[in-house]
Amino acid sequence: MYLLFLKRKIGFLELKQLLGLTPGNLDHHLRKLEEIGLVRNRRMISWRPLVVVEITSSGTEIFREYICRLKGLLEKIPEKLLTEQNE
């Protein structure tokens, strides 16, 4: 989701390579995200068939809210816990 949030759309093969997933594994994850409306796949025909994965407007908004909540949680971590050495 983070890559799609940054790029908005990306080719299936590039996404597979960046994530280090098998085609079947990536397809499974994308189908789950597509079922809940966060991404969509589009087949494009150029000099060869190409599948492009796009984040939906709903996916963008939900991921933005997630990042804001995560940022708020991380800001609550006491600085002491981040600088102490484990002995």
PDB file of N, CA and C in Angstrom:
ATOM      1  N   MET A   1       0.832  -1.189   0.000  1.00  0.00           N
ATOM      2  CA  MET A   1       0.000   0.000   0.000  1.00  0.00           C
ATOM      3  C   MET A   1       0.874   1.249   0.000  1.00  0.00           C
ATOM      4  N   TYR A   2       1.971   1.206   0.731  1.00  0.00           N
ATOM      5  CA  TYR A   2       2.841   2.376   0.809  1.00  0.00           C
ATOM      6  C   TYR A   2       3.375   2.750  -0.584  1.00  0.00           C
ATOM      7  N   LEU A   3       3.836   1.753  -1.335  1.00  0.00           N
ATOM      8  CA  LEU A   3       4.343   2.030  -2.683  1.00  0.00           C
ATOM      9  C   LEU A   3       3.253   2.606  -3.574  1.00  0.00           C
ATOM     10  N   LEU A   4       2.059   2.054  -3.486  1.00  0.00           N
ATOM     11  CA  LEU A   4       0.949   2.565  -4.284  1.00  0.00           C
ATOM     12  C   LEU A   4       0.548   3.958  -3.824  1.00  0.00           C
ATOM     13  N   PHE A   5       0.612   4.211  -2.530  1.00  0.00           N
ATOM     14  CA  PHE A   5       0.289   5.532  -1.993  1.00  0.00           C
ATOM     15  C   PHE A   5       1.257   6.571  -2.568  1.00  0.00           C
ATOM     16  N   LEU A   6       2.534   6.206  -2.671  1.00  0.00           N
ATOM     17  CA  LEU A   6       3.538   7.135  -3.196  1.00  0.00           C
ATOM     18  C   LEU A   6       3.448   7.312  -4.707  1.00  0.00           C
ATOM     19  N   LYS A   7       3.280   6.195  -5.428  1.00  0.00           N
ATOM     20  CA  LYS A   7       3.341   6.232  -6.894  1.00  0.00           C
ATOM     21  C   LYS A   7       1.978   6.350  -7.566  1.00  0.00           C
ATOM     22  N   ARG A   8       0.907   6.038  -6.854  1.00  0.00           N
ATOM     23  CA  ARG A   8      -0.474   6.044  -7.354  1.00  0.00           C
ATOM     24  C   ARG A   8      -0.779   4.854  -8.259  1.00  0.00           C
ATOM     25  N   LYS A   9       0.152   4.487  -9.146  1.00  0.00           N
ATOM     26  CA  LYS A   9      -0.030   3.270  -9.940  1.00  0.00           C
ATOM     27  C   LYS A   9       1.345   2.726 -10.297  1.00  0.00           C
ATOM     28  N   ILE A  10       1.391   1.401 -10.466  1.00  0.00           N
ATOM     29  CA  ILE A  10       2.661   0.737 -10.727  1.00  0.00           C
ATOM     30  C   ILE A  10       2.379  -0.566 -11.482  1.00  0.00           C
ATOM     31  N   GLY A  11       3.281  -0.959 -12.327  1.00  0.00           N
ATOM     32  CA  GLY A  11       3.136  -2.205 -13.060  1.00  0.00           C
ATOM     33  C   GLY A  11       3.257  -3.403 -12.116  1.00  0.00           C
ATOM     34  N   PHE A  12       2.496  -4.443 -12.410  1.00  0.00           N
ATOM     35  CA  PHE A  12       2.509  -5.660 -11.594  1.00  0.00           C
ATOM     36  C   PHE A  12       3.923  -6.222 -11.470  1.00  0.00           C
ATOM     37  N   LEU A  13       4.640  -6.290 -12.594  1.00  0.00           N
ATOM     38  CA  LEU A  13       5.986  -6.873 -12.568  1.00  0.00           C
ATOM     39  C   LEU A  13       6.955  -6.043 -11.727  1.00  0.00           C
ATOM     40  N   GLU A  14       6.867  -4.729 -11.826  1.00  0.00           N
ATOM     41  CA  GLU A  14       7.724  -3.863 -11.016  1.00  0.00           C
ATOM     42  C   GLU A  14       7.389  -4.016  -9.536  1.00  0.00           C
ATOM     43  N   LEU A  15       6.100  -4.068  -9.210  1.00  0.00           N
ATOM     44  CA  LEU A  15       5.676  -4.237  -7.829  1.00  0.00           C
ATOM     45  C   LEU A  15       6.162  -5.580  -7.273  1.00  0.00           C
ATOM     46  N   LYS A  16       6.038  -6.622  -8.075  1.00  0.00           N
ATOM     47  CA  LYS A  16       6.503  -7.959  -7.686  1.00  0.00           C
ATOM     48  C   LYS A  16       7.993  -7.925  -7.367  1.00  0.00           C
ATOM     49  N   GLN A  17       8.756  -7.267  -8.221  1.00  0.00           N
ATOM     50  CA  GLN A  17      10.200  -7.200  -8.025  1.00  0.00           C
ATOM     51  C   GLN A  17      10.562  -6.373  -6.782  1.00  0.00           C
ATOM     52  N   LEU A  18       9.926  -5.228  -6.620  1.00  0.00           N
ATOM     53  CA  LEU A  18      10.217  -4.369  -5.469  1.00  0.00           C
ATOM     54  C   LEU A  18       9.907  -5.050  -4.143  1.00  0.00           C
ATOM     55  N   LEU A  19       8.826  -5.843  -4.124  1.00  0.00           N
ATOM     56  CA  LEU A  19       8.412  -6.506  -2.890  1.00  0.00           C
ATOM     57  C   LEU A  19       9.054  -7.875  -2.696  1.00  0.00           C
ATOM     58  N   GLY A  20       9.657  -8.411  -3.746  1.00  0.00           N
ATOM     59  CA  GLY A  20      10.290  -9.715  -3.654  1.00  0.00           C
ATOM     60  C   GLY A  20       9.301 -10.856  -3.465  1.00  0.00           C
ATOM     61  N   LEU A  21       8.129 -10.722  -4.082  1.00  0.00           N
ATOM     62  CA  LEU A  21       7.089 -11.739  -3.955  1.00  0.00           C
ATOM     63  C   LEU A  21       6.976 -12.546  -5.244  1.00  0.00           C
ATOM     64  N   THR A  22       6.428 -13.742  -5.127  1.00  0.00           N
ATOM     65  CA  THR A  22       6.126 -14.528  -6.312  1.00  0.00           C
ATOM     66  C   THR A  22       4.874 -13.942  -6.966  1.00  0.00           C
ATOM     67  N   PRO A  23       4.675 -14.177  -8.249  1.00  0.00           N
ATOM     68  CA  PRO A  23       3.467 -13.661  -8.902  1.00  0.00           C
ATOM     69  C   PRO A  23       2.185 -14.135  -8.215  1.00  0.00           C
ATOM     70  N   GLY A  24       2.127 -15.398  -7.826  1.00  0.00           N
ATOM     71  CA  GLY A  24       0.930 -15.930  -7.174  1.00  0.00           C
ATOM     72  C   GLY A  24       0.666 -15.290  -5.830  1.00  0.00           C
ATOM     73  N   ASN A  25       1.735 -15.079  -5.066  1.00  0.00           N
ATOM     74  CA  ASN A  25       1.600 -14.462  -3.745  1.00  0.00           C
ATOM     75  C   ASN A  25       1.126 -13.017  -3.872  1.00  0.00           C
ATOM     76  N   LEU A  26       1.742 -12.267  -4.785  1.00  0.00           N
ATOM     77  CA  LEU A  26       1.333 -10.873  -4.988  1.00  0.00           C
ATOM     78  C   LEU A  26      -0.107 -10.800  -5.483  1.00  0.00           C
ATOM     79  N   ASP A  27      -0.461 -11.663  -6.411  1.00  0.00           N
ATOM     80  CA  ASP A  27      -1.824 -11.680  -6.931  1.00  0.00           C
ATOM     81  C   ASP A  27      -2.834 -11.929  -5.814  1.00  0.00           C
ATOM     82  N   HIS A  28      -2.510 -12.849  -4.911  1.00  0.00           N
ATOM     83  CA  HIS A  28      -3.399 -13.148  -3.780  1.00  0.00           C
ATOM     84  C   HIS A  28      -3.615 -11.898  -2.916  1.00  0.00           C
ATOM     85  N   HIS A  29      -2.536 -11.207  -2.583  1.00  0.00           N
ATOM     86  CA  HIS A  29      -2.643  -9.997  -1.751  1.00  0.00           C
ATOM     87  C   HIS A  29      -3.430  -8.907  -2.475  1.00  0.00           C
ATOM     88  N   LEU A  30      -3.156  -8.736  -3.765  1.00  0.00           N
ATOM     89  CA  LEU A  30      -3.862  -7.695  -4.517  1.00  0.00           C
ATOM     90  C   LEU A  30      -5.345  -7.995  -4.643  1.00  0.00           C
ATOM     91  N   ARG A  31      -5.701  -9.264  -4.797  1.00  0.00           N
ATOM     92  CA  ARG A  31      -7.127  -9.625  -4.868  1.00  0.00           C
ATOM     93  C   ARG A  31      -7.846  -9.255  -3.572  1.00  0.00           C
ATOM     94  N   LYS A  32      -7.201  -9.506  -2.434  1.00  0.00           N
ATOM     95  CA  LYS A  32      -7.802  -9.151  -1.140  1.00  0.00           C
ATOM     96  C   LYS A  32      -7.991  -7.634  -1.038  1.00  0.00           C
ATOM     97  N   LEU A  33      -6.985  -6.878  -1.449  1.00  0.00           N
ATOM     98  CA  LEU A  33      -7.089  -5.417  -1.412  1.00  0.00           C
ATOM     99  C   LEU A  33      -8.137  -4.909  -2.393  1.00  0.00           C
ATOM    100  N   GLU A  34      -8.257  -5.583  -3.523  1.00  0.00           N
ATOM    101  CA  GLU A  34      -9.257  -5.192  -4.518  1.00  0.00           C
ATOM    102  C   GLU A  34     -10.671  -5.498  -4.021  1.00  0.00           C
ATOM    103  N   GLU A  35     -10.838  -6.609  -3.331  1.00  0.00           N
ATOM    104  CA  GLU A  35     -12.157  -6.989  -2.791  1.00  0.00           C
ATOM    105  C   GLU A  35     -12.705  -5.938  -1.837  1.00  0.00           C
ATOM    106  N   ILE A  36     -11.828  -5.275  -1.104  1.00  0.00           N
ATOM    107  CA  ILE A  36     -12.297  -4.258  -0.158  1.00  0.00           C
ATOM    108  C   ILE A  36     -12.177  -2.837  -0.725  1.00  0.00           C
ATOM    109  N   GLY A  37     -11.854  -2.741  -2.011  1.00  0.00           N
ATOM    110  CA  GLY A  37     -11.903  -1.455  -2.701  1.00  0.00           C
ATOM    111  C   GLY A  37     -10.706  -0.552  -2.534  1.00  0.00           C
ATOM    112  N   LEU A  38      -9.562  -1.088  -2.086  1.00  0.00           N
ATOM    113  CA  LEU A  38      -8.390  -0.241  -1.887  1.00  0.00           C
ATOM    114  C   LEU A  38      -7.538  -0.086  -3.137  1.00  0.00           C
ATOM    115  N   VAL A  39      -7.556  -1.100  -4.006  1.00  0.00           N
ATOM    116  CA  VAL A  39      -6.794  -1.034  -5.251  1.00  0.00           C
ATOM    117  C   VAL A  39      -7.650  -1.576  -6.395  1.00  0.00           C
ATOM    118  N   ARG A  40      -7.173  -1.328  -7.615  1.00  0.00           N
ATOM    119  CA  ARG A  40      -7.797  -1.939  -8.795  1.00  0.00           C
ATOM    120  C   ARG A  40      -6.680  -2.300  -9.768  1.00  0.00           C
ATOM    121  N   ASN A  41      -6.917  -3.356 -10.499  1.00  0.00           N
ATOM    122  CA  ASN A  41      -5.987  -3.805 -11.532  1.00  0.00           C
ATOM    123  C   ASN A  41      -6.567  -3.465 -12.891  1.00  0.00           C
ATOM    124  N   ARG A  42      -5.711  -2.993 -13.779  1.00  0.00           N
ATOM    125  CA  ARG A  42      -6.154  -2.726 -15.145  1.00  0.00           C
ATOM    126  C   ARG A  42      -5.181  -3.388 -16.107  1.00  0.00           C
ATOM    127  N   ARG A  43      -5.732  -4.096 -17.057  1.00  0.00           N
ATOM    128  CA  ARG A  43      -4.895  -4.696 -18.102  1.00  0.00           C
ATOM    129  C   ARG A  43      -4.756  -3.674 -19.224  1.00  0.00           C
ATOM    130  N   MET A  44      -3.525  -3.439 -19.613  1.00  0.00           N
ATOM    131  CA  MET A  44      -3.260  -2.502 -20.695  1.00  0.00           C
ATOM    132  C   MET A  44      -2.539  -3.258 -21.801  1.00  0.00           C
ATOM    133  N   ILE A  45      -2.825  -2.893 -23.013  1.00  0.00           N
ATOM    134  CA  ILE A  45      -2.168  -3.511 -24.153  1.00  0.00           C
ATOM    135  C   ILE A  45      -1.225  -2.479 -24.769  1.00  0.00           C
ATOM    136  N   SER A  46       0.031  -2.801 -24.779  1.00  0.00           N
ATOM    137  CA  SER A  46       1.014  -1.987 -25.486  1.00  0.00           C
ATOM    138  C   SER A  46       1.729  -2.956 -26.412  1.00  0.00           C
ATOM    139  N   TRP A  47       3.019  -2.965 -26.422  1.00  0.00           N
ATOM    140  CA  TRP A  47       3.713  -3.949 -27.258  1.00  0.00           C
ATOM    141  C   TRP A  47       3.660  -5.333 -26.635  1.00  0.00           C
ATOM    142  N   ARG A  48       3.215  -5.375 -25.361  1.00  0.00           N
ATOM    143  CA  ARG A  48       2.940  -6.649 -24.692  1.00  0.00           C
ATOM    144  C   ARG A  48       1.871  -6.376 -23.643  1.00  0.00           C
ATOM    145  N   PRO A  49       1.139  -7.394 -23.239  1.00  0.00           N
ATOM    146  CA  PRO A  49       0.123  -7.179 -22.195  1.00  0.00           C
ATOM    147  C   PRO A  49       0.780  -6.720 -20.892  1.00  0.00           C
ATOM    148  N   LEU A  50       0.153  -5.807 -20.219  1.00  0.00           N
ATOM    149  CA  LEU A  50       0.698  -5.247 -18.998  1.00  0.00           C
ATOM    150  C   LEU A  50      -0.433  -5.062 -17.987  1.00  0.00           C
ATOM    151  N   VAL A  51      -0.170  -5.451 -16.753  1.00  0.00           N
ATOM    152  CA  VAL A  51      -1.150  -5.227 -15.689  1.00  0.00           C
ATOM    153  C   VAL A  51      -0.633  -4.073 -14.833  1.00  0.00           C
ATOM    154  N   VAL A  52      -1.468  -3.071 -14.665  1.00  0.00           N
ATOM    155  CA  VAL A  52      -1.132  -1.911 -13.846  1.00  0.00           C
ATOM    156  C   VAL A  52      -2.024  -1.940 -12.611  1.00  0.00           C
ATOM    157  N   VAL A  53      -1.412  -1.766 -11.452  1.00  0.00           N
ATOM    158  CA  VAL A  53      -2.133  -1.745 -10.186  1.00  0.00           C
ATOM    159  C   VAL A  53      -2.233  -0.292  -9.747  1.00  0.00           C
ATOM    160  N   GLU A  54      -3.452   0.151  -9.427  1.00  0.00           N
ATOM    161  CA  GLU A  54      -3.684   1.534  -9.002  1.00  0.00           C
ATOM    162  C   GLU A  54      -4.325   1.553  -7.625  1.00  0.00           C
ATOM    163  N   ILE A  55      -3.962   2.543  -6.833  1.00  0.00           N
ATOM    164  CA  ILE A  55      -4.648   2.750  -5.570  1.00  0.00           C
ATOM    165  C   ILE A  55      -5.925   3.535  -5.879  1.00  0.00           C
ATOM    166  N   THR A  56      -7.008   3.188  -5.239  1.00  0.00           N
ATOM    167  CA  THR A  56      -8.272   3.902  -5.449  1.00  0.00           C
ATOM    168  C   THR A  56      -8.295   5.149  -4.570  1.00  0.00           C
ATOM    169  N   SER A  57      -9.246   6.031  -4.814  1.00  0.00           N
ATOM    170  CA  SER A  57      -9.366   7.217  -3.948  1.00  0.00           C
ATOM    171  C   SER A  57      -9.696   6.795  -2.528  1.00  0.00           C
ATOM    172  N   SER A  58     -10.511   5.747  -2.378  1.00  0.00           N
ATOM    173  CA  SER A  58     -10.827   5.212  -1.058  1.00  0.00           C
ATOM    174  C   SER A  58      -9.567   4.642  -0.404  1.00  0.00           C
ATOM    175  N   GLY A  59      -8.761   3.921  -1.185  1.00  0.00           N
ATOM    176  CA  GLY A  59      -7.509   3.362  -0.667  1.00  0.00           C
ATOM    177  C   GLY A  59      -6.558   4.449  -0.214  1.00  0.00           C
ATOM    178  N   THR A  60      -6.498   5.535  -0.974  1.00  0.00           N
ATOM    179  CA  THR A  60      -5.633   6.663  -0.615  1.00  0.00           C
ATOM    180  C   THR A  60      -6.073   7.272   0.713  1.00  0.00           C
ATOM    181  N   GLU A  61      -7.364   7.505   0.860  1.00  0.00           N
ATOM    182  CA  GLU A  61      -7.879   8.116   2.083  1.00  0.00           C
ATOM    183  C   GLU A  61      -7.687   7.200   3.296  1.00  0.00           C
ATOM    184  N   ILE A  62      -7.987   5.922   3.138  1.00  0.00           N
ATOM    185  CA  ILE A  62      -7.840   4.972   4.246  1.00  0.00           C
ATOM    186  C   ILE A  62      -6.380   4.843   4.646  1.00  0.00           C
ATOM    187  N   PHE A  63      -5.473   4.782   3.665  1.00  0.00           N
ATOM    188  CA  PHE A  63      -4.054   4.663   3.993  1.00  0.00           C
ATOM    189  C   PHE A  63      -3.546   5.938   4.653  1.00  0.00           C
ATOM    190  N   ARG A  64      -4.016   7.106   4.199  1.00  0.00           N
ATOM    191  CA  ARG A  64      -3.620   8.379   4.812  1.00  0.00           C
ATOM    192  C   ARG A  64      -4.067   8.417   6.279  1.00  0.00           C
ATOM    193  N   GLU A  65      -5.287   7.982   6.554  1.00  0.00           N
ATOM    194  CA  GLU A  65      -5.777   7.933   7.938  1.00  0.00           C
ATOM    195  C   GLU A  65      -4.937   6.972   8.780  1.00  0.00           C
ATOM    196  N   TYR A  66      -4.582   5.822   8.203  1.00  0.00           N
ATOM    197  CA  TYR A  66      -3.750   4.846   8.901  1.00  0.00           C
ATOM    198  C   TYR A  66      -2.391   5.451   9.266  1.00  0.00           C
ATOM    199  N   ILE A  67      -1.767   6.145   8.326  1.00  0.00           N
ATOM    200  CA  ILE A  67      -0.464   6.761   8.571  1.00  0.00           C
ATOM    201  C   ILE A  67      -0.573   7.817   9.677  1.00  0.00           C
ATOM    202  N   CYS A  68      -1.637   8.605   9.668  1.00  0.00           N
ATOM    203  CA  CYS A  68      -1.829   9.625  10.712  1.00  0.00           C
ATOM    204  C   CYS A  68      -1.988   8.986  12.082  1.00  0.00           C
ATOM    205  N   ARG A  69      -2.765   7.906  12.158  1.00  0.00           N
ATOM    206  CA  ARG A  69      -2.927   7.212  13.444  1.00  0.00           C
ATOM    207  C   ARG A  69      -1.613   6.606  13.905  1.00  0.00           C
ATOM    208  N   LEU A  70      -0.877   5.999  12.979  1.00  0.00           N
ATOM    209  CA  LEU A  70       0.413   5.396  13.314  1.00  0.00           C
ATOM    210  C   LEU A  70       1.397   6.462  13.787  1.00  0.00           C
ATOM    211  N   LYS A  71       1.420   7.580  13.115  1.00  0.00           N
ATOM    212  CA  LYS A  71       2.304   8.690  13.507  1.00  0.00           C
ATOM    213  C   LYS A  71       1.970   9.163  14.919  1.00  0.00           C
ATOM    214  N   GLY A  72       0.673   9.272  15.223  1.00  0.00           N
ATOM    215  CA  GLY A  72       0.251   9.685  16.563  1.00  0.00           C
ATOM    216  C   GLY A  72       0.694   8.692  17.631  1.00  0.00           C
ATOM    217  N   LEU A  73       0.593   7.410  17.326  1.00  0.00           N
ATOM    218  CA  LEU A  73       1.040   6.390  18.277  1.00  0.00           C
ATOM    219  C   LEU A  73       2.549   6.448  18.486  1.00  0.00           C
ATOM    220  N   LEU A  74       3.295   6.633  17.421  1.00  0.00           N
ATOM    221  CA  LEU A  74       4.748   6.683  17.531  1.00  0.00           C
ATOM    222  C   LEU A  74       5.222   7.899  18.305  1.00  0.00           C
ATOM    223  N   GLU A  75       4.510   9.006  18.177  1.00  0.00           N
ATOM    224  CA  GLU A  75       4.882  10.217  18.910  1.00  0.00           C
ATOM    225  C   GLU A  75       4.702  10.056  20.416  1.00  0.00           C
ATOM    226  N   LYS A  76       3.878   9.095  20.829  1.00  0.00           N
ATOM    227  CA  LYS A  76       3.632   8.865  22.246  1.00  0.00           C
ATOM    228  C   LYS A  76       4.693   7.986  22.899  1.00  0.00           C
ATOM    229  N   ILE A  77       5.610   7.436  22.126  1.00  0.00           N
ATOM    230  CA  ILE A  77       6.671   6.607  22.701  1.00  0.00           C
ATOM    231  C   ILE A  77       7.638   7.527  23.438  1.00  0.00           C
ATOM    232  N   PRO A  78       7.856   7.279  24.716  1.00  0.00           N
ATOM    233  CA  PRO A  78       8.785   8.131  25.465  1.00  0.00           C
ATOM    234  C   PRO A  78      10.192   8.067  24.872  1.00  0.00           C
ATOM    235  N   GLU A  79      10.823   9.216  24.762  1.00  0.00           N
ATOM    236  CA  GLU A  79      12.173   9.304  24.195  1.00  0.00           C
ATOM    237  C   GLU A  79      13.136   8.393  24.952  1.00  0.00           C
ATOM    238  N   LYS A  80      12.900   8.251  26.251  1.00  0.00           N
ATOM    239  CA  LYS A  80      13.758   7.418  27.094  1.00  0.00           C
ATOM    240  C   LYS A  80      13.806   5.971  26.569  1.00  0.00           C
ATOM    241  N   LEU A  81      12.677   5.461  26.101  1.00  0.00           N
ATOM    242  CA  LEU A  81      12.641   4.094  25.598  1.00  0.00           C
ATOM    243  C   LEU A  81      13.420   3.939  24.294  1.00  0.00           C
ATOM    244  N   LEU A  82      13.563   5.021  23.566  1.00  0.00           N
ATOM    245  CA  LEU A  82      14.261   4.954  22.289  1.00  0.00           C
ATOM    246  C   LEU A  82      15.758   5.123  22.424  1.00  0.00           C
ATOM    247  N   THR A  83      16.213   5.652  23.539  1.00  0.00           N
ATOM    248  CA  THR A  83      17.651   5.916  23.695  1.00  0.00           C
ATOM    249  C   THR A  83      18.333   5.006  24.708  1.00  0.00           C
ATOM    250  N   GLU A  84      17.555   4.284  25.527  1.00  0.00           N
ATOM    251  CA  GLU A  84      18.167   3.393  26.512  1.00  0.00           C
ATOM    252  C   GLU A  84      18.851   2.217  25.838  1.00  0.00           C
ATOM    253  N   GLN A  85      19.971   1.816  26.416  1.00  0.00           N
ATOM    254  CA  GLN A  85      20.669   0.636  25.951  1.00  0.00           C
ATOM    255  C   GLN A  85      20.181  -0.559  26.758  1.00  0.00           C
ATOM    256  N   ASN A  86      19.899  -1.659  26.090  1.00  0.00           N
ATOM    257  CA  ASN A  86      19.508  -2.883  26.799  1.00  0.00           C
ATOM    258  C   ASN A  86      20.753  -3.504  27.405  1.00  0.00           C
ATOM    259  N   GLU A  87      20.700  -3.781  28.690  1.00  0.00           N
ATOM    260  CA  GLU A  87      21.863  -4.363  29.373  1.00  0.00           C
ATOM    261  C   GLU A  87      21.622  -5.794  29.732  1.00  0.00           C
TER     262      GLU A  87
END
